[in-house]
Amino acid sequence: MKIRFIIPWAMLSFLVFAKDPLIKLQTQGEISFVSGGVGGDERDAMHAIRSDYNLNLLFSEAGSGEYLSDIKVCIKDAGGNNLLETIADGPMFYTKLKPGRYTVSVDLDGNTIDKTVNVGNQQSVSHSFTWPKQQGN
């Protein structure tokens, strides 16, 4: 008699993530965040934890759809107070915020994009940021 164990894909992804942390959890003040998604394994690890974060950002280049990294990320609360300022290690950036209204500013080589986002209790919010194709690419 052969015993088979069936492990759901999400659980397997979590086990791989926990065993070999491709993605590093970071905190600034009360805010926790992760960034990455460079390469297939890192991308899979980010997808596996996406639902744990209520704000998901994605960075890419217009036209080619090429993913971008080394993006400056700044998140301010409704009062204009800086809550988070960091550099995204990859094209995916996930963070946990208290419910509320925030301004997200992302910068690539001096080209800044600002978006106002509303974060709630239940569902995560996703936003894509796209920059024009860089000269020389």
N, C-alpha and C. Protein backbone atom coordinates (compact mmCIF):
# COMPACT_ATOMS: atom_id res chain seq x y z
N MET A 1 0.84 -1.17 0.00
CA MET A 1 0.00 0.00 0.00
C MET A 1 0.89 1.24 0.00
N LYS A 2 0.62 2.13 -0.94
CA LYS A 2 1.40 3.34 -1.10
C LYS A 2 0.61 4.52 -0.55
N ILE A 3 1.24 5.34 0.26
CA ILE A 3 0.59 6.52 0.83
C ILE A 3 1.07 7.74 0.07
N ARG A 4 0.12 8.53 -0.41
CA ARG A 4 0.46 9.75 -1.13
C ARG A 4 0.06 10.96 -0.31
N PHE A 5 0.92 11.92 -0.29
CA PHE A 5 0.61 13.18 0.37
C PHE A 5 0.39 14.21 -0.72
N ILE A 6 -0.71 14.90 -0.62
CA ILE A 6 -1.00 15.96 -1.57
C ILE A 6 -0.83 17.28 -0.84
N ILE A 7 0.10 18.07 -1.34
CA ILE A 7 0.37 19.37 -0.74
C ILE A 7 -0.09 20.43 -1.74
N PRO A 8 -1.03 21.27 -1.35
CA PRO A 8 -1.48 22.33 -2.26
C PRO A 8 -0.30 23.20 -2.67
N TRP A 9 -0.36 23.72 -3.91
CA TRP A 9 0.71 24.55 -4.48
C TRP A 9 1.05 25.72 -3.56
N ALA A 10 0.05 26.39 -3.03
CA ALA A 10 0.31 27.55 -2.17
C ALA A 10 1.12 27.15 -0.94
N MET A 11 0.80 25.99 -0.36
CA MET A 11 1.53 25.53 0.81
C MET A 11 2.96 25.17 0.43
N LEU A 12 3.13 24.53 -0.71
CA LEU A 12 4.46 24.17 -1.17
C LEU A 12 5.29 25.43 -1.40
N SER A 13 4.67 26.43 -1.99
CA SER A 13 5.38 27.69 -2.22
C SER A 13 5.81 28.31 -0.90
N PHE A 14 4.93 28.24 0.11
CA PHE A 14 5.27 28.79 1.41
C PHE A 14 6.43 28.02 2.03
N LEU A 15 6.40 26.70 1.90
CA LEU A 15 7.48 25.89 2.46
C LEU A 15 8.81 26.23 1.80
N VAL A 16 8.79 26.39 0.49
CA VAL A 16 10.02 26.77 -0.23
C VAL A 16 10.47 28.14 0.23
N PHE A 17 9.52 29.07 0.35
CA PHE A 17 9.83 30.43 0.78
C PHE A 17 10.44 30.43 2.18
N ALA A 18 9.85 29.64 3.08
CA ALA A 18 10.32 29.61 4.47
C ALA A 18 11.69 28.95 4.58
N LYS A 19 11.92 27.93 3.76
CA LYS A 19 13.18 27.20 3.83
C LYS A 19 14.34 27.99 3.22
N ASP A 20 14.11 28.63 2.10
CA ASP A 20 15.14 29.35 1.39
C ASP A 20 14.63 30.75 1.10
N PRO A 21 14.80 31.67 2.04
CA PRO A 21 14.18 32.98 1.89
C PRO A 21 14.78 33.81 0.75
N LEU A 22 14.13 33.73 -0.38
CA LEU A 22 14.55 34.54 -1.53
C LEU A 22 14.16 35.99 -1.32
N ILE A 23 13.09 36.18 -0.57
CA ILE A 23 12.54 37.50 -0.33
C ILE A 23 12.75 37.87 1.14
N LYS A 24 13.33 39.03 1.37
CA LYS A 24 13.64 39.46 2.73
C LYS A 24 12.56 40.41 3.25
N LEU A 25 11.93 40.04 4.35
CA LEU A 25 10.96 40.91 5.01
C LEU A 25 11.71 42.08 5.63
N GLN A 26 11.22 43.29 5.37
CA GLN A 26 11.84 44.50 5.91
C GLN A 26 10.78 45.30 6.67
N THR A 27 11.22 46.12 7.59
CA THR A 27 10.30 47.01 8.30
C THR A 27 10.92 48.39 8.41
N GLN A 28 10.03 49.37 8.43
CA GLN A 28 10.39 50.76 8.70
C GLN A 28 9.30 51.29 9.61
N GLY A 29 9.66 51.63 10.82
CA GLY A 29 8.64 52.03 11.77
C GLY A 29 7.66 50.89 11.99
N GLU A 30 6.38 51.14 11.76
CA GLU A 30 5.35 50.12 11.93
C GLU A 30 4.99 49.41 10.63
N ILE A 31 5.68 49.73 9.55
CA ILE A 31 5.32 49.19 8.24
C ILE A 31 6.26 48.08 7.82
N SER A 32 5.68 46.94 7.45
CA SER A 32 6.48 45.84 6.92
C SER A 32 6.28 45.77 5.41
N PHE A 33 7.32 45.36 4.69
CA PHE A 33 7.24 45.30 3.24
C PHE A 33 8.26 44.31 2.70
N VAL A 34 8.03 43.89 1.46
CA VAL A 34 8.95 43.03 0.74
C VAL A 34 9.04 43.55 -0.69
N SER A 35 10.16 43.28 -1.33
CA SER A 35 10.27 43.62 -2.75
C SER A 35 11.16 42.58 -3.41
N GLY A 36 10.96 42.42 -4.69
CA GLY A 36 11.73 41.44 -5.44
C GLY A 36 11.00 41.08 -6.72
N GLY A 37 11.21 39.85 -7.16
CA GLY A 37 10.57 39.39 -8.38
C GLY A 37 11.51 39.34 -9.56
N VAL A 38 12.82 39.41 -9.30
CA VAL A 38 13.81 39.29 -10.37
C VAL A 38 14.12 37.80 -10.52
N GLY A 39 13.80 37.25 -11.66
CA GLY A 39 14.01 35.82 -11.89
C GLY A 39 12.79 35.01 -11.50
N GLY A 40 12.67 33.84 -12.06
CA GLY A 40 11.51 32.98 -11.88
C GLY A 40 11.26 32.56 -10.45
N ASP A 41 12.30 32.13 -9.73
CA ASP A 41 12.12 31.66 -8.35
C ASP A 41 11.64 32.79 -7.45
N GLU A 42 12.25 33.97 -7.60
CA GLU A 42 11.86 35.11 -6.79
C GLU A 42 10.44 35.56 -7.12
N ARG A 43 10.10 35.53 -8.39
CA ARG A 43 8.75 35.90 -8.82
C ARG A 43 7.72 34.94 -8.20
N ASP A 44 8.02 33.63 -8.22
CA ASP A 44 7.13 32.64 -7.62
C ASP A 44 6.99 32.88 -6.12
N ALA A 45 8.09 33.19 -5.46
CA ALA A 45 8.06 33.45 -4.01
C ALA A 45 7.20 34.68 -3.71
N MET A 46 7.32 35.72 -4.53
CA MET A 46 6.50 36.92 -4.33
C MET A 46 5.03 36.61 -4.55
N HIS A 47 4.70 35.87 -5.59
CA HIS A 47 3.30 35.52 -5.86
C HIS A 47 2.71 34.71 -4.70
N ALA A 48 3.53 33.86 -4.10
CA ALA A 48 3.06 33.00 -3.00
C ALA A 48 2.66 33.79 -1.76
N ILE A 49 3.24 34.97 -1.56
CA ILE A 49 2.96 35.76 -0.36
C ILE A 49 2.12 37.01 -0.64
N ARG A 50 1.75 37.20 -1.87
CA ARG A 50 1.04 38.42 -2.28
C ARG A 50 -0.19 38.72 -1.42
N SER A 51 -0.98 37.70 -1.11
CA SER A 51 -2.23 37.93 -0.37
C SER A 51 -1.99 38.33 1.09
N ASP A 52 -0.76 38.22 1.57
CA ASP A 52 -0.43 38.64 2.93
C ASP A 52 -0.27 40.15 3.07
N TYR A 53 -0.26 40.86 1.95
CA TYR A 53 -0.01 42.30 1.93
C TYR A 53 -1.20 43.01 1.31
N ASN A 54 -1.55 44.19 1.83
CA ASN A 54 -2.74 44.85 1.32
C ASN A 54 -2.47 45.93 0.28
N LEU A 55 -1.21 46.20 -0.04
CA LEU A 55 -0.87 47.10 -1.14
C LEU A 55 0.22 46.43 -1.97
N ASN A 56 -0.09 46.19 -3.24
CA ASN A 56 0.84 45.51 -4.15
C ASN A 56 1.16 46.45 -5.32
N LEU A 57 2.44 46.72 -5.51
CA LEU A 57 2.89 47.61 -6.58
C LEU A 57 3.72 46.82 -7.59
N LEU A 58 3.63 47.22 -8.87
CA LEU A 58 4.40 46.58 -9.94
C LEU A 58 4.99 47.67 -10.81
N PHE A 59 6.28 47.54 -11.15
CA PHE A 59 7.00 48.56 -11.91
C PHE A 59 7.45 48.00 -13.26
N SER A 60 7.14 48.74 -14.35
CA SER A 60 7.52 48.27 -15.68
C SER A 60 7.78 49.44 -16.63
N GLU A 61 8.29 49.09 -17.80
CA GLU A 61 8.59 50.06 -18.84
C GLU A 61 7.51 49.99 -19.92
N ALA A 62 7.04 51.15 -20.36
CA ALA A 62 6.01 51.21 -21.40
C ALA A 62 6.54 50.61 -22.70
N GLY A 63 5.64 50.04 -23.45
CA GLY A 63 6.00 49.47 -24.75
C GLY A 63 6.52 48.06 -24.63
N SER A 64 7.69 47.90 -24.01
CA SER A 64 8.31 46.58 -23.91
C SER A 64 7.67 45.74 -22.81
N GLY A 65 7.12 46.41 -21.78
CA GLY A 65 6.58 45.68 -20.63
C GLY A 65 7.68 45.14 -19.73
N GLU A 66 8.92 45.50 -20.04
CA GLU A 66 10.07 45.02 -19.25
C GLU A 66 9.92 45.50 -17.81
N TYR A 67 10.15 44.58 -16.88
CA TYR A 67 10.06 44.91 -15.47
C TYR A 67 11.25 45.76 -15.05
N LEU A 68 11.03 46.62 -14.05
CA LEU A 68 12.06 47.54 -13.57
C LEU A 68 12.31 47.32 -12.09
N SER A 69 13.54 47.57 -11.66
CA SER A 69 13.89 47.50 -10.25
C SER A 69 14.67 48.75 -9.86
N ASP A 70 15.11 48.81 -8.62
CA ASP A 70 15.82 49.97 -8.09
C ASP A 70 14.97 51.23 -8.19
N ILE A 71 13.71 51.08 -7.84
CA ILE A 71 12.74 52.18 -7.87
C ILE A 71 12.64 52.77 -6.46
N LYS A 72 12.73 54.09 -6.36
CA LYS A 72 12.54 54.75 -5.07
C LYS A 72 11.04 54.75 -4.76
N VAL A 73 10.69 54.31 -3.57
CA VAL A 73 9.29 54.24 -3.15
C VAL A 73 9.12 55.09 -1.89
N CYS A 74 8.14 55.97 -1.93
CA CYS A 74 7.82 56.80 -0.77
C CYS A 74 6.31 56.73 -0.55
N ILE A 75 5.90 56.42 0.66
CA ILE A 75 4.48 56.36 1.00
C ILE A 75 4.21 57.37 2.11
N LYS A 76 3.20 58.23 1.86
CA LYS A 76 2.81 59.26 2.83
C LYS A 76 1.36 59.03 3.24
N ASP A 77 1.06 59.34 4.50
CA ASP A 77 -0.32 59.24 4.96
C ASP A 77 -1.13 60.44 4.46
N ALA A 78 -2.41 60.47 4.80
CA ALA A 78 -3.30 61.54 4.33
C ALA A 78 -2.86 62.92 4.81
N GLY A 79 -2.12 62.97 5.90
CA GLY A 79 -1.61 64.23 6.43
C GLY A 79 -0.30 64.67 5.81
N GLY A 80 0.24 63.87 4.89
CA GLY A 80 1.49 64.21 4.21
C GLY A 80 2.74 63.76 4.95
N ASN A 81 2.56 62.97 6.00
CA ASN A 81 3.70 62.47 6.77
C ASN A 81 4.34 61.26 6.09
N ASN A 82 5.67 61.28 5.97
CA ASN A 82 6.39 60.14 5.39
C ASN A 82 6.27 58.93 6.31
N LEU A 83 5.76 57.83 5.77
CA LEU A 83 5.66 56.59 6.54
C LEU A 83 6.72 55.58 6.11
N LEU A 84 7.10 55.65 4.84
CA LEU A 84 8.03 54.68 4.29
C LEU A 84 8.82 55.32 3.16
N GLU A 85 10.12 55.11 3.17
CA GLU A 85 10.97 55.57 2.09
C GLU A 85 12.06 54.52 1.89
N THR A 86 12.08 53.91 0.70
CA THR A 86 13.00 52.80 0.45
C THR A 86 13.25 52.66 -1.04
N ILE A 87 14.09 51.71 -1.39
CA ILE A 87 14.37 51.35 -2.79
C ILE A 87 13.86 49.93 -3.01
N ALA A 88 13.02 49.75 -4.03
CA ALA A 88 12.50 48.42 -4.36
C ALA A 88 13.59 47.59 -5.04
N ASP A 89 13.80 46.38 -4.52
CA ASP A 89 14.82 45.48 -5.07
C ASP A 89 14.40 44.81 -6.36
N GLY A 90 13.13 44.89 -6.68
CA GLY A 90 12.63 44.23 -7.88
C GLY A 90 11.37 44.92 -8.36
N PRO A 91 10.75 44.35 -9.39
CA PRO A 91 9.57 44.98 -9.97
C PRO A 91 8.30 44.83 -9.14
N MET A 92 8.34 43.97 -8.12
CA MET A 92 7.18 43.77 -7.25
C MET A 92 7.49 44.31 -5.86
N PHE A 93 6.55 45.06 -5.33
CA PHE A 93 6.71 45.67 -4.00
C PHE A 93 5.40 45.51 -3.26
N TYR A 94 5.43 44.81 -2.12
CA TYR A 94 4.23 44.56 -1.32
C TYR A 94 4.43 45.14 0.07
N THR A 95 3.38 45.78 0.59
CA THR A 95 3.46 46.33 1.93
C THR A 95 2.14 46.16 2.68
N LYS A 96 2.22 46.23 4.00
CA LYS A 96 1.04 46.17 4.85
C LYS A 96 0.83 47.56 5.46
N LEU A 97 -0.34 48.12 5.21
CA LEU A 97 -0.68 49.43 5.74
C LEU A 97 -1.99 49.35 6.50
N LYS A 98 -2.17 50.25 7.44
CA LYS A 98 -3.45 50.37 8.12
C LYS A 98 -4.46 50.91 7.10
N PRO A 99 -5.74 50.58 7.25
CA PRO A 99 -6.74 51.12 6.34
C PRO A 99 -6.67 52.65 6.32
N GLY A 100 -6.76 53.21 5.13
CA GLY A 100 -6.71 54.66 4.99
C GLY A 100 -6.34 55.08 3.58
N ARG A 101 -6.12 56.38 3.43
CA ARG A 101 -5.78 56.99 2.15
C ARG A 101 -4.30 57.38 2.20
N TYR A 102 -3.56 57.01 1.15
CA TYR A 102 -2.12 57.25 1.09
C TYR A 102 -1.72 57.82 -0.26
N THR A 103 -0.59 58.52 -0.26
CA THR A 103 0.03 58.94 -1.51
C THR A 103 1.27 58.08 -1.70
N VAL A 104 1.34 57.41 -2.84
CA VAL A 104 2.49 56.59 -3.18
C VAL A 104 3.25 57.34 -4.27
N SER A 105 4.51 57.65 -4.01
CA SER A 105 5.39 58.30 -4.99
C SER A 105 6.49 57.31 -5.33
N VAL A 106 6.67 57.06 -6.61
CA VAL A 106 7.73 56.17 -7.06
C VAL A 106 8.58 56.93 -8.05
N ASP A 107 9.88 56.71 -8.00
CA ASP A 107 10.81 57.50 -8.79
C ASP A 107 11.83 56.60 -9.48
N LEU A 108 12.00 56.80 -10.77
CA LEU A 108 13.03 56.13 -11.56
C LEU A 108 13.86 57.20 -12.23
N ASP A 109 15.09 57.36 -11.80
CA ASP A 109 16.02 58.32 -12.40
C ASP A 109 15.44 59.73 -12.51
N GLY A 110 14.75 60.18 -11.46
CA GLY A 110 14.21 61.53 -11.45
C GLY A 110 12.84 61.67 -12.09
N ASN A 111 12.32 60.61 -12.65
CA ASN A 111 10.98 60.62 -13.26
C ASN A 111 10.00 60.03 -12.24
N THR A 112 9.27 60.93 -11.56
CA THR A 112 8.41 60.53 -10.45
C THR A 112 6.95 60.38 -10.89
N ILE A 113 6.31 59.35 -10.37
CA ILE A 113 4.88 59.12 -10.57
C ILE A 113 4.23 59.08 -9.19
N ASP A 114 3.16 59.85 -9.01
CA ASP A 114 2.41 59.88 -7.75
C ASP A 114 1.02 59.30 -7.99
N LYS A 115 0.55 58.50 -7.03
CA LYS A 115 -0.82 57.98 -7.07
C LYS A 115 -1.39 58.03 -5.67
N THR A 116 -2.67 58.37 -5.59
CA THR A 116 -3.39 58.29 -4.33
C THR A 116 -4.07 56.93 -4.28
N VAL A 117 -3.88 56.22 -3.17
CA VAL A 117 -4.46 54.88 -3.03
C VAL A 117 -5.28 54.81 -1.75
N ASN A 118 -6.36 54.05 -1.82
CA ASN A 118 -7.20 53.79 -0.66
C ASN A 118 -7.02 52.34 -0.27
N VAL A 119 -6.56 52.12 0.94
CA VAL A 119 -6.32 50.77 1.44
C VAL A 119 -7.40 50.44 2.46
N GLY A 120 -8.04 49.29 2.28
CA GLY A 120 -9.11 48.87 3.18
C GLY A 120 -8.69 47.73 4.08
N ASN A 121 -9.65 47.17 4.79
CA ASN A 121 -9.40 46.06 5.71
C ASN A 121 -9.25 44.72 5.02
N GLN A 122 -10.11 44.44 4.05
CA GLN A 122 -10.24 43.10 3.52
C GLN A 122 -9.38 42.80 2.31
N GLN A 123 -9.56 43.54 1.25
CA GLN A 123 -8.97 43.20 -0.04
C GLN A 123 -7.69 43.97 -0.29
N SER A 124 -6.73 43.31 -0.93
CA SER A 124 -5.50 44.03 -1.26
C SER A 124 -5.73 44.87 -2.51
N VAL A 125 -4.98 45.96 -2.59
CA VAL A 125 -5.07 46.91 -3.69
C VAL A 125 -3.80 46.78 -4.52
N SER A 126 -3.96 46.72 -5.84
CA SER A 126 -2.81 46.60 -6.74
C SER A 126 -2.73 47.83 -7.63
N HIS A 127 -1.50 48.31 -7.82
CA HIS A 127 -1.26 49.44 -8.71
C HIS A 127 -0.01 49.16 -9.54
N SER A 128 -0.11 49.48 -10.83
CA SER A 128 1.04 49.36 -11.72
C SER A 128 1.57 50.75 -12.03
N PHE A 129 2.87 50.86 -12.07
CA PHE A 129 3.55 52.10 -12.42
C PHE A 129 4.39 51.83 -13.66
N THR A 130 4.18 52.63 -14.71
CA THR A 130 4.87 52.41 -15.98
C THR A 130 5.58 53.68 -16.40
N TRP A 131 6.85 53.53 -16.73
CA TRP A 131 7.65 54.65 -17.20
C TRP A 131 7.90 54.54 -18.69
N PRO A 132 8.11 55.68 -19.37
CA PRO A 132 8.47 55.63 -20.78
C PRO A 132 9.80 54.89 -20.96
N LYS A 133 9.98 54.34 -22.13
CA LYS A 133 11.23 53.62 -22.44
C LYS A 133 12.40 54.57 -22.24
N GLN A 134 13.42 54.07 -21.53
CA GLN A 134 14.62 54.86 -21.26
C GLN A 134 15.50 54.96 -22.51
N GLN A 135 16.15 56.08 -22.69
CA GLN A 135 17.08 56.25 -23.80
C GLN A 135 18.20 55.23 -23.70
N GLY A 136 18.57 54.62 -24.79
CA GLY A 136 19.66 53.66 -24.80
C GLY A 136 19.19 52.24 -24.54
N ASN A 137 17.91 52.03 -24.25
CA ASN A 137 17.40 50.67 -24.02
C ASN A 137 16.77 50.13 -25.28
